[in-house]
Amino acid sequence: MSQLRDKLVTRCSLVVSPVDVWTRRMPSGLSVLLEDIARKPVRKSDGTYLFLDVPAGVYTLSVKSPMFMPYTEQIDLSALSPLAPVVTVPLLPGPGYAYPAAATAALVRIVDEAGTPIAGADIEAYATEDAAARARVAQDGLKAGDSIIAAGSFKGKTFAGEFLLLRDAENEQLLSVAEMLPGDALRLERPIAYSFRRGALFMPAIVTRSGLDGTALLPFRGSLPPQFAVKAKVKAGGKAVIAELQAKAGEVAKLRTIVL
């Protein structure tokens, strides 16, 4: 007489890979959860968080920490690879962030006309001078709709979740890196909207939001010139403004107030 045994099979439904956009390290002390289901993740020694046996569906991923800006994203588990259901979470420095020594950043405070801090203002910022470029496009025929780009040698390591501004004489577009591929090629989160020429520049960039006190830290990476210009685009409450900033390599610039 044979015995029937139930076998318990654990399935990995989601792997959350949080990355500090400045140091490229996986930080600790995070609160990682799916807001729509009572399921706690398993934290691995490599810094990733595993959600096991989660039913198929769309969930809200939430990552919080005193050091970083809160992160939320809608995740459709059925759209992920069943063999590697990995979601990279780029964590942006918050007001409590302890920035590393010799870091390069601009520090801004967003206020309204009455001087009241504006929380949650959307900020896009990038270096504007060619000397600050991280790399150049190394292929011909880069067309609108492409999502994989061959680049020359990057100045400094580039990783999933990092922001870059792609620019040539005719067009510019803010990009989010989904994956670095062999040979300094990169796969983008979304296809490019324009065509770009060989030699187009990848400029260091950051996308973030202001904190409760209106401040935001704008970090820049790569082999940077001693001093370089930064353009910051700020939006909140139906208003928008463009500010010109200055940054110095190896320093966190003094607080600059931007009135919206």
C-alpha atoms as a PDB file:
ATOM      1  CA  MET A   1       0.000   0.000   0.000  1.00  0.00           C
ATOM      2  CA  SER A   2       1.529   3.258  -1.105  1.00  0.00           C
ATOM      3  CA  GLN A   3       1.406   6.400   0.945  1.00  0.00           C
ATOM      4  CA  LEU A   4       0.380   9.689  -0.608  1.00  0.00           C
ATOM      5  CA  ARG A   5       2.355  12.629   0.577  1.00  0.00           C
ATOM      6  CA  ASP A   6       1.539  16.260   0.038  1.00  0.00           C
ATOM      7  CA  LYS A   7       4.429  18.257  -1.281  1.00  0.00           C
ATOM      8  CA  LEU A   8       4.655  21.911  -0.341  1.00  0.00           C
ATOM      9  CA  VAL A   9       6.115  23.913  -3.218  1.00  0.00           C
ATOM     10  CA  THR A  10       7.197  27.476  -2.504  1.00  0.00           C
ATOM     11  CA  ARG A  11       7.121  29.818  -5.471  1.00  0.00           C
ATOM     12  CA  CYS A  12       9.005  33.104  -5.630  1.00  0.00           C
ATOM     13  CA  SER A  13       6.503  35.636  -6.945  1.00  0.00           C
ATOM     14  CA  LEU A  14       8.527  38.834  -6.652  1.00  0.00           C
ATOM     15  CA  VAL A  15      12.116  39.863  -5.927  1.00  0.00           C
ATOM     16  CA  VAL A  16      12.562  43.474  -4.829  1.00  0.00           C
ATOM     17  CA  SER A  17      16.084  44.796  -5.369  1.00  0.00           C
ATOM     18  CA  PRO A  18      16.474  48.215  -3.683  1.00  0.00           C
ATOM     19  CA  VAL A  19      19.478  50.323  -4.700  1.00  0.00           C
ATOM     20  CA  ASP A  20      20.807  53.573  -3.280  1.00  0.00           C
ATOM     21  CA  VAL A  21      21.072  55.726  -6.432  1.00  0.00           C
ATOM     22  CA  TRP A  22      24.107  57.509  -5.017  1.00  0.00           C
ATOM     23  CA  THR A  23      26.298  54.758  -3.590  1.00  0.00           C
ATOM     24  CA  ARG A  24      24.900  51.891  -5.750  1.00  0.00           C
ATOM     25  CA  ARG A  25      24.658  49.798  -2.579  1.00  0.00           C
ATOM     26  CA  MET A  26      21.689  47.879  -1.242  1.00  0.00           C
ATOM     27  CA  PRO A  27      20.648  49.666   1.955  1.00  0.00           C
ATOM     28  CA  SER A  28      19.340  48.062   5.126  1.00  0.00           C
ATOM     29  CA  GLY A  29      16.636  49.187   7.524  1.00  0.00           C
ATOM     30  CA  LEU A  30      13.909  49.361   4.881  1.00  0.00           C
ATOM     31  CA  SER A  31      10.190  48.717   5.201  1.00  0.00           C
ATOM     32  CA  VAL A  32       9.208  46.735   2.086  1.00  0.00           C
ATOM     33  CA  LEU A  33       5.628  45.590   1.573  1.00  0.00           C
ATOM     34  CA  LEU A  34       2.828  44.965  -0.884  1.00  0.00           C
ATOM     35  CA  GLU A  35       0.051  47.247   0.356  1.00  0.00           C
ATOM     36  CA  ASP A  36      -2.755  45.114  -1.047  1.00  0.00           C
ATOM     37  CA  ILE A  37      -1.942  41.839   0.700  1.00  0.00           C
ATOM     38  CA  ALA A  38      -0.839  40.729   4.161  1.00  0.00           C
ATOM     39  CA  ARG A  39       2.381  39.020   3.106  1.00  0.00           C
ATOM     40  CA  LYS A  40       5.783  39.812   4.605  1.00  0.00           C
ATOM     41  CA  PRO A  41       8.880  39.463   2.444  1.00  0.00           C
ATOM     42  CA  VAL A  42      11.951  37.377   3.220  1.00  0.00           C
ATOM     43  CA  ARG A  43      15.127  39.470   3.273  1.00  0.00           C
ATOM     44  CA  LYS A  44      18.159  37.718   1.818  1.00  0.00           C
ATOM     45  CA  SER A  45      21.789  38.329   2.708  1.00  0.00           C
ATOM     46  CA  ASP A  46      22.373  40.040  -0.662  1.00  0.00           C
ATOM     47  CA  GLY A  47      19.898  42.793   0.289  1.00  0.00           C
ATOM     48  CA  THR A  48      16.969  41.676  -1.864  1.00  0.00           C
ATOM     49  CA  TYR A  49      13.443  41.032  -0.564  1.00  0.00           C
ATOM     50  CA  LEU A  50      11.478  37.952  -1.683  1.00  0.00           C
ATOM     51  CA  PHE A  51       7.682  37.694  -1.736  1.00  0.00           C
ATOM     52  CA  LEU A  52       6.622  34.059  -1.860  1.00  0.00           C
ATOM     53  CA  ASP A  53       3.416  32.449  -3.137  1.00  0.00           C
ATOM     54  CA  VAL A  54       1.615  35.705  -3.921  1.00  0.00           C
ATOM     55  CA  PRO A  55      -1.474  35.210  -6.135  1.00  0.00           C
ATOM     56  CA  ALA A  56      -1.288  36.736  -9.612  1.00  0.00           C
ATOM     57  CA  GLY A  57      -2.543  40.299  -9.772  1.00  0.00           C
ATOM     58  CA  VAL A  58      -1.603  43.960  -9.608  1.00  0.00           C
ATOM     59  CA  TYR A  59      -0.147  45.172  -6.305  1.00  0.00           C
ATOM     60  CA  THR A  60       1.235  48.409  -4.883  1.00  0.00           C
ATOM     61  CA  LEU A  61       4.870  48.017  -3.860  1.00  0.00           C
ATOM     62  CA  SER A  62       5.893  50.353  -1.034  1.00  0.00           C
ATOM     63  CA  VAL A  63       9.448  50.952   0.191  1.00  0.00           C
ATOM     64  CA  LYS A  64      10.058  53.340   3.094  1.00  0.00           C
ATOM     65  CA  SER A  65      13.053  54.433   5.160  1.00  0.00           C
ATOM     66  CA  PRO A  66      14.020  57.474   7.261  1.00  0.00           C
ATOM     67  CA  MET A  67      17.002  58.004   4.931  1.00  0.00           C
ATOM     68  CA  PHE A  68      15.229  57.814   1.576  1.00  0.00           C
ATOM     69  CA  MET A  69      12.229  59.285  -0.179  1.00  0.00           C
ATOM     70  CA  PRO A  70       9.172  56.979   0.019  1.00  0.00           C
ATOM     71  CA  TYR A  71       8.835  54.796  -3.078  1.00  0.00           C
ATOM     72  CA  THR A  72       5.619  53.323  -4.509  1.00  0.00           C
ATOM     73  CA  GLU A  73       5.017  51.474  -7.758  1.00  0.00           C
ATOM     74  CA  GLN A  74       2.189  49.439  -9.269  1.00  0.00           C
ATOM     75  CA  ILE A  75       3.471  45.920  -9.966  1.00  0.00           C
ATOM     76  CA  ASP A  76       1.682  43.481 -12.285  1.00  0.00           C
ATOM     77  CA  LEU A  77       3.096  40.101 -11.280  1.00  0.00           C
ATOM     78  CA  SER A  78       1.908  38.473 -14.509  1.00  0.00           C
ATOM     79  CA  ALA A  79       4.074  40.891 -16.522  1.00  0.00           C
ATOM     80  CA  LEU A  80       7.277  39.780 -14.766  1.00  0.00           C
ATOM     81  CA  SER A  81       9.525  36.972 -15.947  1.00  0.00           C
ATOM     82  CA  PRO A  82       8.554  33.772 -14.101  1.00  0.00           C
ATOM     83  CA  LEU A  83      12.236  32.772 -13.999  1.00  0.00           C
ATOM     84  CA  ALA A  84      13.477  36.133 -12.670  1.00  0.00           C
ATOM     85  CA  PRO A  85      10.598  38.275 -11.319  1.00  0.00           C
ATOM     86  CA  VAL A  86      12.954  41.073 -10.277  1.00  0.00           C
ATOM     87  CA  VAL A  87      11.942  44.691  -9.724  1.00  0.00           C
ATOM     88  CA  THR A  88      14.758  47.195  -9.148  1.00  0.00           C
ATOM     89  CA  VAL A  89      13.831  50.025  -6.794  1.00  0.00           C
ATOM     90  CA  PRO A  90      16.004  53.169  -7.144  1.00  0.00           C
ATOM     91  CA  LEU A  91      16.012  54.857  -3.728  1.00  0.00           C
ATOM     92  CA  LEU A  92      16.433  58.628  -3.705  1.00  0.00           C
ATOM     93  CA  PRO A  93      18.158  60.475  -0.830  1.00  0.00           C
ATOM     94  CA  GLY A  94      15.713  62.017   1.646  1.00  0.00           C
ATOM     95  CA  PRO A  95      16.139  64.728   4.307  1.00  0.00           C
ATOM     96  CA  GLY A  96      17.697  62.202   6.730  1.00  0.00           C
ATOM     97  CA  TYR A  97      20.243  60.883   4.242  1.00  0.00           C
ATOM     98  CA  ALA A  98      23.858  60.729   5.422  1.00  0.00           C
ATOM     99  CA  TYR A  99      25.685  61.418   2.183  1.00  0.00           C
ATOM    100  CA  PRO A 100      29.115  59.832   1.654  1.00  0.00           C
ATOM    101  CA  ALA A 101      32.408  61.696   1.884  1.00  0.00           C
ATOM    102  CA  ALA A 102      33.549  63.515  -1.270  1.00  0.00           C
ATOM    103  CA  ALA A 103      30.004  63.289  -2.652  1.00  0.00           C
ATOM    104  CA  THR A 104      28.850  65.624  -5.408  1.00  0.00           C
ATOM    105  CA  ALA A 105      25.377  67.118  -5.118  1.00  0.00           C
ATOM    106  CA  ALA A 106      23.238  70.234  -5.222  1.00  0.00           C
ATOM    107  CA  LEU A 107      20.902  70.979  -2.327  1.00  0.00           C
ATOM    108  CA  VAL A 108      17.677  72.881  -3.056  1.00  0.00           C
ATOM    109  CA  ARG A 109      14.644  74.049  -1.112  1.00  0.00           C
ATOM    110  CA  ILE A 110      11.346  74.558  -2.930  1.00  0.00           C
ATOM    111  CA  VAL A 111       9.035  77.276  -1.580  1.00  0.00           C
ATOM    112  CA  ASP A 112       5.993  79.214  -2.762  1.00  0.00           C
ATOM    113  CA  GLU A 113       5.857  82.990  -3.173  1.00  0.00           C
ATOM    114  CA  ALA A 114       5.067  83.382   0.528  1.00  0.00           C
ATOM    115  CA  GLY A 115       8.176  81.394   1.475  1.00  0.00           C
ATOM    116  CA  THR A 116       6.232  78.318   2.605  1.00  0.00           C
ATOM    117  CA  PRO A 117       8.042  75.012   1.878  1.00  0.00           C
ATOM    118  CA  ILE A 118       6.438  72.879  -0.844  1.00  0.00           C
ATOM    119  CA  ALA A 119       6.488  69.134  -0.178  1.00  0.00           C
ATOM    120  CA  GLY A 120       6.276  66.633  -3.027  1.00  0.00           C
ATOM    121  CA  ALA A 121       7.409  68.971  -5.806  1.00  0.00           C
ATOM    122  CA  ASP A 122       8.629  66.979  -8.836  1.00  0.00           C
ATOM    123  CA  ILE A 123      12.242  67.726  -9.735  1.00  0.00           C
ATOM    124  CA  GLU A 124      14.245  66.747 -12.807  1.00  0.00           C
ATOM    125  CA  ALA A 125      17.869  67.882 -12.829  1.00  0.00           C
ATOM    126  CA  TYR A 126      20.865  67.200 -15.042  1.00  0.00           C
ATOM    127  CA  ALA A 127      24.371  68.456 -15.737  1.00  0.00           C
ATOM    128  CA  THR A 128      24.464  70.608 -18.866  1.00  0.00           C
ATOM    129  CA  GLU A 129      28.165  70.835 -19.734  1.00  0.00           C
ATOM    130  CA  ASP A 130      29.727  68.349 -22.166  1.00  0.00           C
ATOM    131  CA  ALA A 131      32.683  67.798 -19.816  1.00  0.00           C
ATOM    132  CA  ALA A 132      30.310  66.136 -17.323  1.00  0.00           C
ATOM    133  CA  ALA A 133      29.045  63.530 -19.828  1.00  0.00           C
ATOM    134  CA  ARG A 134      29.059  59.912 -18.640  1.00  0.00           C
ATOM    135  CA  ALA A 135      29.363  58.355 -22.128  1.00  0.00           C
ATOM    136  CA  ARG A 136      28.439  58.743 -25.807  1.00  0.00           C
ATOM    137  CA  VAL A 137      26.169  56.762 -28.125  1.00  0.00           C
ATOM    138  CA  ALA A 138      28.368  54.287 -30.013  1.00  0.00           C
ATOM    139  CA  GLN A 139      25.983  53.175 -32.763  1.00  0.00           C
ATOM    140  CA  ASP A 140      24.463  54.524 -35.961  1.00  0.00           C
ATOM    141  CA  GLY A 141      20.761  54.591 -36.659  1.00  0.00           C
ATOM    142  CA  LEU A 142      19.399  55.035 -33.134  1.00  0.00           C
ATOM    143  CA  LYS A 143      15.688  55.449 -33.881  1.00  0.00           C
ATOM    144  CA  ALA A 144      12.581  56.417 -31.957  1.00  0.00           C
ATOM    145  CA  GLY A 145      11.164  53.272 -30.378  1.00  0.00           C
ATOM    146  CA  ASP A 146      14.553  51.686 -29.638  1.00  0.00           C
ATOM    147  CA  SER A 147      15.040  50.525 -26.059  1.00  0.00           C
ATOM    148  CA  ILE A 148      18.592  49.145 -26.244  1.00  0.00           C
ATOM    149  CA  ILE A 149      21.503  51.535 -26.834  1.00  0.00           C
ATOM    150  CA  ALA A 150      25.182  50.784 -27.402  1.00  0.00           C
ATOM    151  CA  ALA A 151      27.389  53.289 -25.589  1.00  0.00           C
ATOM    152  CA  GLY A 152      31.079  54.026 -25.361  1.00  0.00           C
ATOM    153  CA  SER A 153      32.924  53.378 -22.108  1.00  0.00           C
ATOM    154  CA  PHE A 154      31.016  54.837 -19.166  1.00  0.00           C
ATOM    155  CA  LYS A 155      32.751  57.107 -16.670  1.00  0.00           C
ATOM    156  CA  GLY A 156      31.889  55.287 -13.464  1.00  0.00           C
ATOM    157  CA  LYS A 157      29.684  52.243 -13.056  1.00  0.00           C
ATOM    158  CA  THR A 158      26.095  52.546 -14.270  1.00  0.00           C
ATOM    159  CA  PHE A 159      23.308  50.400 -12.825  1.00  0.00           C
ATOM    160  CA  ALA A 160      19.595  49.624 -13.112  1.00  0.00           C
ATOM    161  CA  GLY A 161      17.451  52.439 -11.758  1.00  0.00           C
ATOM    162  CA  GLU A 162      19.900  55.207 -12.645  1.00  0.00           C
ATOM    163  CA  PHE A 163      18.742  58.281 -14.583  1.00  0.00           C
ATOM    164  CA  LEU A 164      20.561  59.784 -17.574  1.00  0.00           C
ATOM    165  CA  LEU A 165      19.755  62.557 -20.016  1.00  0.00           C
ATOM    166  CA  LEU A 166      20.427  61.633 -23.657  1.00  0.00           C
ATOM    167  CA  ARG A 167      21.242  64.714 -25.746  1.00  0.00           C
ATOM    168  CA  ASP A 168      22.410  65.695 -29.224  1.00  0.00           C
ATOM    169  CA  ALA A 169      22.091  68.891 -31.278  1.00  0.00           C
ATOM    170  CA  GLU A 170      18.395  68.278 -32.093  1.00  0.00           C
ATOM    171  CA  ASN A 171      16.825  66.356 -29.213  1.00  0.00           C
ATOM    172  CA  GLU A 172      17.118  65.479 -25.563  1.00  0.00           C
ATOM    173  CA  GLN A 173      15.287  62.919 -23.420  1.00  0.00           C
ATOM    174  CA  LEU A 174      15.440  61.796 -19.818  1.00  0.00           C
ATOM    175  CA  LEU A 175      16.072  58.044 -19.537  1.00  0.00           C
ATOM    176  CA  SER A 176      15.769  55.448 -16.810  1.00  0.00           C
ATOM    177  CA  VAL A 177      18.144  52.475 -17.051  1.00  0.00           C
ATOM    178  CA  ALA A 178      16.454  49.082 -16.706  1.00  0.00           C
ATOM    179  CA  GLU A 179      19.543  46.892 -17.157  1.00  0.00           C
ATOM    180  CA  MET A 180      23.196  47.127 -18.087  1.00  0.00           C
ATOM    181  CA  LEU A 181      24.141  44.704 -20.862  1.00  0.00           C
ATOM    182  CA  PRO A 182      27.560  43.366 -21.884  1.00  0.00           C
ATOM    183  CA  GLY A 183      29.783  45.774 -23.780  1.00  0.00           C
ATOM    184  CA  ASP A 184      28.490  48.976 -22.148  1.00  0.00           C
ATOM    185  CA  ALA A 185      25.069  48.634 -23.762  1.00  0.00           C
ATOM    186  CA  LEU A 186      21.994  49.510 -21.748  1.00  0.00           C
ATOM    187  CA  ARG A 187      18.333  48.574 -21.839  1.00  0.00           C
ATOM    188  CA  LEU A 188      15.863  51.325 -21.003  1.00  0.00           C
ATOM    189  CA  GLU A 189      12.700  51.225 -18.925  1.00  0.00           C
ATOM    190  CA  ARG A 190      10.875  52.893 -21.851  1.00  0.00           C
ATOM    191  CA  PRO A 191      11.794  53.266 -25.538  1.00  0.00           C
ATOM    192  CA  ILE A 192      13.276  56.548 -26.708  1.00  0.00           C
ATOM    193  CA  ALA A 193      10.855  59.049 -28.273  1.00  0.00           C
ATOM    194  CA  TYR A 194      13.312  60.588 -30.761  1.00  0.00           C
ATOM    195  CA  SER A 195      16.144  59.629 -33.079  1.00  0.00           C
ATOM    196  CA  PHE A 196      19.684  60.363 -31.896  1.00  0.00           C
ATOM    197  CA  ARG A 197      22.993  60.552 -33.712  1.00  0.00           C
ATOM    198  CA  ARG A 198      26.169  58.605 -32.996  1.00  0.00           C
ATOM    199  CA  GLY A 199      28.103  60.576 -30.404  1.00  0.00           C
ATOM    200  CA  ALA A 200      25.010  61.831 -28.557  1.00  0.00           C
ATOM    201  CA  LEU A 201      25.863  62.441 -24.899  1.00  0.00           C
ATOM    202  CA  PHE A 202      24.639  60.632 -21.801  1.00  0.00           C
ATOM    203  CA  MET A 203      24.516  63.318 -19.107  1.00  0.00           C
ATOM    204  CA  PRO A 204      24.245  62.570 -15.352  1.00  0.00           C
ATOM    205  CA  ALA A 205      20.687  63.223 -14.190  1.00  0.00           C
ATOM    206  CA  ILE A 206      18.347  62.732 -11.247  1.00  0.00           C
ATOM    207  CA  VAL A 207      14.578  62.602 -10.820  1.00  0.00           C
ATOM    208  CA  THR A 208      13.282  63.176  -7.300  1.00  0.00           C
ATOM    209  CA  ARG A 209      10.756  65.025  -5.108  1.00  0.00           C
ATOM    210  CA  SER A 210      11.045  67.587  -2.340  1.00  0.00           C
ATOM    211  CA  GLY A 211      10.607  66.400   1.257  1.00  0.00           C
ATOM    212  CA  LEU A 212       8.211  67.669   3.890  1.00  0.00           C
ATOM    213  CA  ASP A 213      10.479  70.657   4.556  1.00  0.00           C
ATOM    214  CA  GLY A 214      10.705  71.466   0.850  1.00  0.00           C
ATOM    215  CA  THR A 215      14.319  70.322   0.509  1.00  0.00           C
ATOM    216  CA  ALA A 216      15.740  67.894  -2.022  1.00  0.00           C
ATOM    217  CA  LEU A 217      19.232  66.487  -2.526  1.00  0.00           C
ATOM    218  CA  LEU A 218      20.363  66.200  -6.159  1.00  0.00           C
ATOM    219  CA  PRO A 219      23.295  63.745  -6.368  1.00  0.00           C
ATOM    220  CA  PHE A 220      25.531  63.400  -9.428  1.00  0.00           C
ATOM    221  CA  ARG A 221      27.922  60.580 -10.249  1.00  0.00           C
ATOM    222  CA  GLY A 222      30.756  59.942 -12.665  1.00  0.00           C
ATOM    223  CA  SER A 223      34.087  61.596 -13.427  1.00  0.00           C
ATOM    224  CA  LEU A 224      32.903  65.169 -13.088  1.00  0.00           C
ATOM    225  CA  PRO A 225      34.708  68.437 -13.884  1.00  0.00           C
ATOM    226  CA  PRO A 226      35.746  70.598 -10.915  1.00  0.00           C
ATOM    227  CA  GLN A 227      32.708  72.823 -11.444  1.00  0.00           C
ATOM    228  CA  PHE A 228      29.700  72.371 -13.713  1.00  0.00           C
ATOM    229  CA  ALA A 229      26.274  73.826 -14.424  1.00  0.00           C
ATOM    230  CA  VAL A 230      23.032  72.043 -13.542  1.00  0.00           C
ATOM    231  CA  LYS A 231      19.556  72.681 -14.918  1.00  0.00           C
ATOM    232  CA  ALA A 232      16.668  71.850 -12.559  1.00  0.00           C
ATOM    233  CA  LYS A 233      13.045  71.659 -13.699  1.00  0.00           C
ATOM    234  CA  VAL A 234      10.556  71.919 -10.815  1.00  0.00           C
ATOM    235  CA  LYS A 235       6.796  71.301 -11.002  1.00  0.00           C
ATOM    236  CA  ALA A 236       4.075  71.435  -8.346  1.00  0.00           C
ATOM    237  CA  GLY A 237       0.443  72.554  -8.147  1.00  0.00           C
ATOM    238  CA  GLY A 238       0.164  73.310 -11.840  1.00  0.00           C
ATOM    239  CA  LYS A 239       3.205  75.615 -11.756  1.00  0.00           C
ATOM    240  CA  ALA A 240       6.662  75.033 -13.220  1.00  0.00           C
ATOM    241  CA  VAL A 241      10.022  76.771 -13.084  1.00  0.00           C
ATOM    242  CA  ILE A 242      13.516  76.123 -14.473  1.00  0.00           C
ATOM    243  CA  ALA A 243      16.477  76.984 -12.255  1.00  0.00           C
ATOM    244  CA  GLU A 244      20.160  77.179 -13.164  1.00  0.00           C
ATOM    245  CA  LEU A 245      22.447  75.793 -10.436  1.00  0.00           C
ATOM    246  CA  GLN A 246      26.170  75.332  -9.941  1.00  0.00           C
ATOM    247  CA  ALA A 247      27.798  72.181  -8.552  1.00  0.00           C
ATOM    248  CA  LYS A 248      31.365  71.323  -7.582  1.00  0.00           C
ATOM    249  CA  ALA A 249      32.893  67.860  -7.809  1.00  0.00           C
ATOM    250  CA  GLY A 250      33.394  66.320  -4.369  1.00  0.00           C
ATOM    251  CA  GLU A 251      31.136  68.824  -2.588  1.00  0.00           C
ATOM    252  CA  VAL A 252      27.510  69.189  -1.557  1.00  0.00           C
ATOM    253  CA  ALA A 253      26.653  72.709  -2.696  1.00  0.00           C
ATOM    254  CA  LYS A 254      25.111  75.196  -0.277  1.00  0.00           C
ATOM    255  CA  LEU A 255      21.334  75.285  -0.042  1.00  0.00           C
ATOM    256  CA  ARG A 256      19.683  77.109  -2.920  1.00  0.00           C
ATOM    257  CA  THR A 257      16.079  78.298  -2.573  1.00  0.00           C
ATOM    258  CA  ILE A 258      13.818  77.945  -5.632  1.00  0.00           C
ATOM    259  CA  VAL A 259      10.556  79.899  -5.629  1.00  0.00           C
ATOM    260  CA  LEU A 260       7.685  78.255  -7.471  1.00  0.00           C
END
